[in-house]
Amino acid sequence: MPASRLSGTTFWLGTTAANGATDTYTQITGARQVGGSLGFSWQTQDSTAIEDSWRKTTKTVRDGGNMDLEYNEIPTDPGQVALQACANDTSDLEYNLEVRYAQGDKRRLKVKANSFEPQIGNAGAIRSIRVRLEIENSAVYVAA
């Protein structure tokens, strides 16, 4: 099977609805760069006993990590407006996010937008926004 390309991937923000599968999503247009991953890692606690000759750890909670989404600034884009509202939300509610691949499959996850940062560059730069999304669950894969 050939590798799947990322070009054509789109990002869609939902609401705080409990069921992401039935939520209504709005596309965030202009995405141009994404940093981070959609997996998880375990936080661990040292559980080494005095009689152990090797350090022991115990898995405690999963950490979904974060994703930095940078996009071309379009102040009137409904998805960008919704993402800014998500970042300005002072509650601790999680929002639904879908990453839709060009091949038709997608990943669905819960996020909190913990930063909203207009980027500054040089005279040749394009206005852009960077948003840090804290991932609150393991991304669910949905086949095409």
N, C-alpha and C. Protein backbone atom coordinates (compact mmCIF):
# COMPACT_ATOMS: atom_id res chain seq x y z
N MET A 1 0.84 -1.17 0.00
CA MET A 1 0.00 0.00 0.00
C MET A 1 0.89 1.24 0.00
N PRO A 2 0.63 2.20 -0.89
CA PRO A 2 1.45 3.41 -0.92
C PRO A 2 1.15 4.30 0.29
N ALA A 3 2.09 5.17 0.59
CA ALA A 3 1.91 6.11 1.69
C ALA A 3 0.79 7.09 1.36
N SER A 4 0.10 7.55 2.37
CA SER A 4 -0.99 8.52 2.19
C SER A 4 -0.45 9.92 2.39
N ARG A 5 -0.79 10.81 1.49
CA ARG A 5 -0.31 12.18 1.55
C ARG A 5 -1.15 13.00 2.52
N LEU A 6 -0.57 14.07 3.03
CA LEU A 6 -1.29 14.98 3.92
C LEU A 6 -1.94 16.13 3.17
N SER A 7 -1.45 16.46 1.97
CA SER A 7 -2.08 17.56 1.25
C SER A 7 -3.55 17.22 1.02
N GLY A 8 -4.40 18.21 1.16
CA GLY A 8 -5.84 17.98 1.06
C GLY A 8 -6.51 17.73 2.40
N THR A 9 -5.71 17.65 3.47
CA THR A 9 -6.25 17.45 4.82
C THR A 9 -6.92 18.74 5.28
N THR A 10 -8.08 18.60 5.94
CA THR A 10 -8.79 19.77 6.46
C THR A 10 -9.08 19.57 7.94
N PHE A 11 -9.29 20.69 8.63
CA PHE A 11 -9.55 20.69 10.07
C PHE A 11 -10.92 21.29 10.31
N TRP A 12 -11.70 20.63 11.17
CA TRP A 12 -13.08 21.01 11.42
C TRP A 12 -13.32 21.08 12.91
N LEU A 13 -13.83 22.23 13.38
CA LEU A 13 -14.10 22.42 14.80
C LEU A 13 -15.59 22.21 15.07
N GLY A 14 -15.88 21.43 16.11
CA GLY A 14 -17.25 21.20 16.53
C GLY A 14 -17.57 22.03 17.75
N THR A 15 -18.50 21.53 18.51
CA THR A 15 -18.94 22.20 19.73
C THR A 15 -18.46 21.40 20.93
N THR A 16 -19.06 21.67 22.08
CA THR A 16 -18.72 20.93 23.29
C THR A 16 -19.67 19.74 23.49
N ALA A 17 -20.36 19.33 22.44
CA ALA A 17 -21.28 18.19 22.52
C ALA A 17 -20.53 16.94 22.99
N ALA A 18 -21.19 16.13 23.79
CA ALA A 18 -20.56 14.93 24.33
C ALA A 18 -20.21 13.93 23.24
N ASN A 19 -21.06 13.80 22.23
CA ASN A 19 -20.85 12.82 21.17
C ASN A 19 -20.30 13.51 19.93
N GLY A 20 -19.01 13.33 19.70
CA GLY A 20 -18.37 13.94 18.54
C GLY A 20 -18.86 13.39 17.22
N ALA A 21 -19.38 12.16 17.22
CA ALA A 21 -19.84 11.55 15.97
C ALA A 21 -21.10 12.22 15.42
N THR A 22 -21.89 12.84 16.29
CA THR A 22 -23.13 13.48 15.85
C THR A 22 -23.06 15.00 15.93
N ASP A 23 -21.89 15.54 16.22
CA ASP A 23 -21.73 16.99 16.35
C ASP A 23 -21.78 17.66 14.98
N THR A 24 -21.99 18.96 14.97
CA THR A 24 -21.94 19.78 13.76
C THR A 24 -20.59 20.48 13.73
N TYR A 25 -19.89 20.38 12.61
CA TYR A 25 -18.53 20.90 12.50
C TYR A 25 -18.46 22.05 11.49
N THR A 26 -17.52 22.97 11.74
CA THR A 26 -17.25 24.09 10.84
C THR A 26 -15.79 24.01 10.43
N GLN A 27 -15.53 24.10 9.12
CA GLN A 27 -14.16 23.99 8.64
C GLN A 27 -13.35 25.23 9.03
N ILE A 28 -12.12 24.98 9.49
CA ILE A 28 -11.15 26.04 9.76
C ILE A 28 -10.30 26.14 8.49
N THR A 29 -10.56 27.12 7.66
CA THR A 29 -9.84 27.20 6.39
C THR A 29 -8.47 27.84 6.58
N GLY A 30 -7.60 27.57 5.63
CA GLY A 30 -6.28 28.20 5.61
C GLY A 30 -5.20 27.51 6.39
N ALA A 31 -5.46 26.30 6.93
CA ALA A 31 -4.42 25.61 7.70
C ALA A 31 -3.21 25.40 6.81
N ARG A 32 -2.04 25.68 7.34
CA ARG A 32 -0.84 25.52 6.53
C ARG A 32 0.27 24.75 7.22
N GLN A 33 0.18 24.62 8.52
CA GLN A 33 1.22 23.86 9.22
C GLN A 33 0.66 23.32 10.52
N VAL A 34 1.05 22.10 10.83
CA VAL A 34 0.60 21.46 12.06
C VAL A 34 1.81 20.86 12.74
N GLY A 35 1.92 21.10 14.03
CA GLY A 35 2.99 20.49 14.81
C GLY A 35 2.39 19.65 15.91
N GLY A 36 3.01 18.56 16.23
CA GLY A 36 2.50 17.68 17.28
C GLY A 36 2.10 16.34 16.70
N SER A 37 1.38 15.59 17.50
CA SER A 37 0.93 14.27 17.06
C SER A 37 -0.46 14.01 17.62
N LEU A 38 -1.09 12.95 17.14
CA LEU A 38 -2.45 12.61 17.56
C LEU A 38 -2.48 11.34 18.39
N GLY A 39 -1.39 10.96 18.96
CA GLY A 39 -1.34 9.77 19.80
C GLY A 39 -1.40 10.14 21.27
N PHE A 40 -0.84 9.30 22.10
CA PHE A 40 -0.79 9.59 23.53
C PHE A 40 0.44 8.94 24.11
N SER A 41 0.79 9.38 25.30
CA SER A 41 1.86 8.73 26.06
C SER A 41 1.39 8.59 27.49
N TRP A 42 1.97 7.65 28.19
CA TRP A 42 1.63 7.44 29.60
C TRP A 42 2.51 8.30 30.48
N GLN A 43 1.92 8.95 31.46
CA GLN A 43 2.72 9.51 32.53
C GLN A 43 3.03 8.34 33.46
N THR A 44 4.19 8.37 34.05
CA THR A 44 4.58 7.26 34.93
C THR A 44 5.02 7.79 36.29
N GLN A 45 4.91 6.94 37.25
CA GLN A 45 5.35 7.25 38.60
C GLN A 45 6.40 6.22 38.99
N ASP A 46 7.49 6.69 39.56
CA ASP A 46 8.53 5.76 40.02
C ASP A 46 7.96 4.90 41.14
N SER A 47 8.02 3.58 40.97
CA SER A 47 7.51 2.66 42.00
C SER A 47 8.59 1.66 42.42
N THR A 48 9.84 2.10 42.32
CA THR A 48 10.96 1.23 42.68
C THR A 48 10.98 0.96 44.19
N ALA A 49 11.06 -0.29 44.54
CA ALA A 49 11.18 -0.68 45.95
C ALA A 49 12.66 -0.79 46.31
N ILE A 50 12.95 -0.72 47.56
CA ILE A 50 14.34 -0.79 48.02
C ILE A 50 15.00 -2.09 47.58
N GLU A 51 14.26 -3.18 47.56
CA GLU A 51 14.87 -4.46 47.19
C GLU A 51 15.06 -4.63 45.68
N ASP A 52 14.51 -3.72 44.86
CA ASP A 52 14.65 -3.83 43.41
C ASP A 52 16.05 -3.45 42.96
N SER A 53 16.56 -4.14 41.94
CA SER A 53 17.85 -3.79 41.37
C SER A 53 17.69 -3.01 40.06
N TRP A 54 16.47 -2.90 39.59
CA TRP A 54 16.13 -2.09 38.42
C TRP A 54 15.03 -1.12 38.81
N ARG A 55 15.08 0.06 38.26
CA ARG A 55 14.04 1.04 38.52
C ARG A 55 12.73 0.52 37.94
N LYS A 56 11.65 0.68 38.67
CA LYS A 56 10.31 0.27 38.25
C LYS A 56 9.43 1.50 38.12
N THR A 57 8.53 1.46 37.16
CA THR A 57 7.57 2.55 37.00
C THR A 57 6.17 1.97 36.87
N THR A 58 5.21 2.77 37.23
CA THR A 58 3.80 2.40 37.10
C THR A 58 3.13 3.44 36.23
N LYS A 59 2.39 2.97 35.22
CA LYS A 59 1.62 3.88 34.38
C LYS A 59 0.51 4.49 35.22
N THR A 60 0.32 5.81 35.08
CA THR A 60 -0.72 6.47 35.87
C THR A 60 -1.83 6.99 34.96
N VAL A 61 -1.62 8.06 34.26
CA VAL A 61 -2.65 8.61 33.37
C VAL A 61 -2.06 8.83 31.97
N ARG A 62 -2.94 8.81 30.98
CA ARG A 62 -2.51 9.07 29.61
C ARG A 62 -2.47 10.58 29.35
N ASP A 63 -1.53 10.97 28.52
CA ASP A 63 -1.37 12.37 28.13
C ASP A 63 -1.53 12.43 26.61
N GLY A 64 -2.55 13.15 26.15
CA GLY A 64 -2.80 13.27 24.72
C GLY A 64 -1.84 14.22 24.03
N GLY A 65 -1.08 14.98 24.79
CA GLY A 65 -0.14 15.92 24.20
C GLY A 65 -0.84 17.15 23.65
N ASN A 66 -0.23 17.75 22.65
CA ASN A 66 -0.81 18.95 22.07
C ASN A 66 -0.49 19.01 20.59
N MET A 67 -1.21 19.90 19.93
CA MET A 67 -1.03 20.11 18.50
C MET A 67 -1.06 21.61 18.27
N ASP A 68 -0.07 22.12 17.55
CA ASP A 68 -0.06 23.52 17.17
C ASP A 68 -0.59 23.62 15.74
N LEU A 69 -1.67 24.35 15.58
CA LEU A 69 -2.27 24.55 14.27
C LEU A 69 -2.00 25.99 13.84
N GLU A 70 -1.29 26.16 12.73
CA GLU A 70 -1.02 27.49 12.20
C GLU A 70 -1.77 27.63 10.88
N TYR A 71 -2.45 28.76 10.72
CA TYR A 71 -3.24 28.96 9.51
C TYR A 71 -3.17 30.40 9.05
N ASN A 72 -3.41 30.60 7.75
CA ASN A 72 -3.46 31.94 7.18
C ASN A 72 -4.65 32.67 7.79
N GLU A 73 -4.42 33.89 8.27
CA GLU A 73 -5.48 34.63 8.94
C GLU A 73 -6.53 35.12 7.93
N ILE A 74 -7.77 34.70 8.15
CA ILE A 74 -8.93 35.17 7.39
C ILE A 74 -9.97 35.56 8.44
N PRO A 75 -10.00 36.84 8.85
CA PRO A 75 -10.83 37.26 9.98
C PRO A 75 -12.31 36.94 9.87
N THR A 76 -12.82 36.77 8.65
CA THR A 76 -14.26 36.50 8.48
C THR A 76 -14.58 35.02 8.30
N ASP A 77 -13.57 34.15 8.34
CA ASP A 77 -13.82 32.71 8.16
C ASP A 77 -14.55 32.16 9.38
N PRO A 78 -15.70 31.52 9.20
CA PRO A 78 -16.48 31.01 10.34
C PRO A 78 -15.70 30.02 11.22
N GLY A 79 -14.87 29.18 10.62
CA GLY A 79 -14.08 28.23 11.40
C GLY A 79 -13.02 28.92 12.24
N GLN A 80 -12.38 29.94 11.69
CA GLN A 80 -11.38 30.68 12.45
C GLN A 80 -12.03 31.48 13.57
N VAL A 81 -13.21 32.05 13.30
CA VAL A 81 -13.95 32.77 14.34
C VAL A 81 -14.32 31.82 15.47
N ALA A 82 -14.79 30.61 15.11
CA ALA A 82 -15.16 29.61 16.13
C ALA A 82 -13.93 29.16 16.93
N LEU A 83 -12.79 29.02 16.26
CA LEU A 83 -11.57 28.61 16.96
C LEU A 83 -11.10 29.69 17.93
N GLN A 84 -11.24 30.96 17.55
CA GLN A 84 -10.88 32.03 18.47
C GLN A 84 -11.82 32.04 19.67
N ALA A 85 -13.11 31.79 19.43
CA ALA A 85 -14.07 31.71 20.54
C ALA A 85 -13.71 30.55 21.46
N CYS A 86 -13.28 29.44 20.90
CA CYS A 86 -12.84 28.29 21.70
C CYS A 86 -11.64 28.68 22.57
N ALA A 87 -10.71 29.42 22.00
CA ALA A 87 -9.53 29.87 22.75
C ALA A 87 -9.91 30.86 23.85
N ASN A 88 -10.92 31.69 23.59
CA ASN A 88 -11.36 32.68 24.58
C ASN A 88 -12.28 32.09 25.64
N ASP A 89 -12.75 30.87 25.44
CA ASP A 89 -13.67 30.22 26.38
C ASP A 89 -12.94 29.99 27.71
N THR A 90 -13.45 30.57 28.78
CA THR A 90 -12.80 30.43 30.09
C THR A 90 -13.26 29.19 30.85
N SER A 91 -14.20 28.45 30.29
CA SER A 91 -14.64 27.21 30.95
C SER A 91 -13.59 26.13 30.71
N ASP A 92 -13.78 25.01 31.30
CA ASP A 92 -12.87 23.89 31.10
C ASP A 92 -13.48 22.86 30.17
N LEU A 93 -14.38 23.29 29.30
CA LEU A 93 -15.07 22.37 28.40
C LEU A 93 -14.16 21.96 27.24
N GLU A 94 -14.36 20.74 26.76
CA GLU A 94 -13.60 20.22 25.63
C GLU A 94 -14.42 20.38 24.36
N TYR A 95 -13.75 20.74 23.28
CA TYR A 95 -14.39 20.89 21.98
C TYR A 95 -14.05 19.70 21.09
N ASN A 96 -14.96 19.37 20.21
CA ASN A 96 -14.72 18.31 19.24
C ASN A 96 -13.92 18.87 18.06
N LEU A 97 -12.97 18.09 17.58
CA LEU A 97 -12.17 18.47 16.41
C LEU A 97 -12.08 17.25 15.51
N GLU A 98 -12.24 17.47 14.22
CA GLU A 98 -12.03 16.40 13.24
C GLU A 98 -10.91 16.79 12.30
N VAL A 99 -10.02 15.84 12.06
CA VAL A 99 -8.99 15.98 11.05
C VAL A 99 -9.44 15.08 9.91
N ARG A 100 -9.80 15.68 8.78
CA ARG A 100 -10.32 14.93 7.64
C ARG A 100 -9.25 14.84 6.56
N TYR A 101 -8.86 13.61 6.25
CA TYR A 101 -7.83 13.37 5.25
C TYR A 101 -8.44 13.32 3.85
N ALA A 102 -7.62 13.63 2.85
CA ALA A 102 -8.08 13.65 1.46
C ALA A 102 -8.58 12.27 1.01
N GLN A 103 -8.12 11.21 1.65
CA GLN A 103 -8.52 9.86 1.27
C GLN A 103 -9.89 9.48 1.81
N GLY A 104 -10.52 10.36 2.63
CA GLY A 104 -11.86 10.11 3.14
C GLY A 104 -11.93 9.63 4.58
N ASP A 105 -10.81 9.17 5.13
CA ASP A 105 -10.81 8.77 6.54
C ASP A 105 -10.55 10.00 7.40
N LYS A 106 -10.71 9.85 8.70
CA LYS A 106 -10.53 11.00 9.60
C LYS A 106 -10.15 10.54 10.99
N ARG A 107 -9.75 11.50 11.79
CA ARG A 107 -9.51 11.29 13.21
C ARG A 107 -10.34 12.31 13.97
N ARG A 108 -11.00 11.84 15.01
CA ARG A 108 -11.88 12.69 15.81
C ARG A 108 -11.31 12.74 17.22
N LEU A 109 -11.21 13.96 17.79
CA LEU A 109 -10.63 14.09 19.12
C LEU A 109 -11.27 15.24 19.88
N LYS A 110 -10.98 15.30 21.17
CA LYS A 110 -11.44 16.37 22.07
C LYS A 110 -10.25 17.27 22.36
N VAL A 111 -10.46 18.59 22.27
CA VAL A 111 -9.37 19.54 22.47
C VAL A 111 -9.82 20.73 23.31
N LYS A 112 -8.83 21.41 23.85
CA LYS A 112 -9.00 22.73 24.45
C LYS A 112 -7.99 23.64 23.77
N ALA A 113 -8.42 24.81 23.33
CA ALA A 113 -7.50 25.77 22.73
C ALA A 113 -6.91 26.61 23.85
N ASN A 114 -5.63 26.41 24.13
CA ASN A 114 -4.99 27.08 25.25
C ASN A 114 -4.16 28.28 24.86
N SER A 115 -4.10 28.59 23.58
CA SER A 115 -3.43 29.83 23.15
C SER A 115 -3.99 30.25 21.80
N PHE A 116 -3.91 31.53 21.55
CA PHE A 116 -4.32 32.12 20.27
C PHE A 116 -3.31 33.20 20.00
N GLU A 117 -2.41 32.99 19.02
CA GLU A 117 -1.27 33.87 18.85
C GLU A 117 -1.12 34.35 17.40
N PRO A 118 -1.53 35.58 17.09
CA PRO A 118 -1.22 36.13 15.78
C PRO A 118 0.30 36.19 15.61
N GLN A 119 0.78 35.75 14.46
CA GLN A 119 2.22 35.67 14.22
C GLN A 119 2.72 36.95 13.55
N ILE A 120 3.92 37.36 13.92
CA ILE A 120 4.58 38.52 13.34
C ILE A 120 5.78 38.01 12.57
N GLY A 121 6.00 38.56 11.38
CA GLY A 121 7.13 38.14 10.56
C GLY A 121 7.77 39.33 9.89
N ASN A 122 8.33 39.09 8.72
CA ASN A 122 8.98 40.17 7.98
C ASN A 122 8.04 40.72 6.91
N ALA A 123 8.52 41.64 6.09
CA ALA A 123 7.68 42.29 5.08
C ALA A 123 7.12 41.30 4.08
N GLY A 124 7.78 40.18 3.88
CA GLY A 124 7.32 39.18 2.93
C GLY A 124 6.42 38.12 3.55
N ALA A 125 6.12 38.26 4.84
CA ALA A 125 5.33 37.23 5.54
C ALA A 125 3.84 37.39 5.26
N ILE A 126 3.12 36.32 5.45
CA ILE A 126 1.67 36.31 5.35
C ILE A 126 1.12 36.31 6.77
N ARG A 127 0.08 37.10 7.02
CA ARG A 127 -0.53 37.12 8.36
C ARG A 127 -1.04 35.73 8.68
N SER A 128 -0.70 35.27 9.86
CA SER A 128 -1.12 33.94 10.28
C SER A 128 -1.42 33.92 11.78
N ILE A 129 -2.11 32.89 12.19
CA ILE A 129 -2.46 32.67 13.59
C ILE A 129 -1.94 31.29 13.98
N ARG A 130 -1.41 31.16 15.18
CA ARG A 130 -1.04 29.85 15.72
C ARG A 130 -1.88 29.60 16.97
N VAL A 131 -2.51 28.44 17.00
CA VAL A 131 -3.33 28.05 18.14
C VAL A 131 -2.78 26.74 18.69
N ARG A 132 -2.57 26.70 20.01
CA ARG A 132 -2.14 25.46 20.65
C ARG A 132 -3.38 24.73 21.15
N LEU A 133 -3.55 23.50 20.66
CA LEU A 133 -4.67 22.66 21.06
C LEU A 133 -4.16 21.57 21.98
N GLU A 134 -4.64 21.55 23.20
CA GLU A 134 -4.32 20.48 24.14
C GLU A 134 -5.29 19.34 23.87
N ILE A 135 -4.76 18.17 23.63
CA ILE A 135 -5.58 17.00 23.27
C ILE A 135 -5.98 16.28 24.53
N GLU A 136 -7.28 16.08 24.70
CA GLU A 136 -7.83 15.55 25.93
C GLU A 136 -8.23 14.08 25.87
N ASN A 137 -7.98 13.41 24.73
CA ASN A 137 -8.31 12.00 24.63
C ASN A 137 -7.42 11.38 23.55
N SER A 138 -7.58 10.10 23.35
CA SER A 138 -6.88 9.43 22.26
C SER A 138 -7.71 9.62 21.01
N ALA A 139 -7.10 10.12 19.95
CA ALA A 139 -7.83 10.38 18.71
C ALA A 139 -8.46 9.09 18.18
N VAL A 140 -9.74 9.18 17.86
CA VAL A 140 -10.49 8.03 17.35
C VAL A 140 -10.37 8.02 15.83
N TYR A 141 -9.95 6.89 15.29
CA TYR A 141 -9.82 6.75 13.84
C TYR A 141 -11.18 6.34 13.26
N VAL A 142 -11.58 7.01 12.19
CA VAL A 142 -12.83 6.70 11.51
C VAL A 142 -12.49 6.40 10.06
N ALA A 143 -12.72 5.17 9.64
CA ALA A 143 -12.41 4.75 8.28
C ALA A 143 -13.29 5.48 7.27
N ALA A 144 -12.79 5.56 6.04
CA ALA A 144 -13.56 6.21 4.96
C ALA A 144 -14.81 5.42 4.64
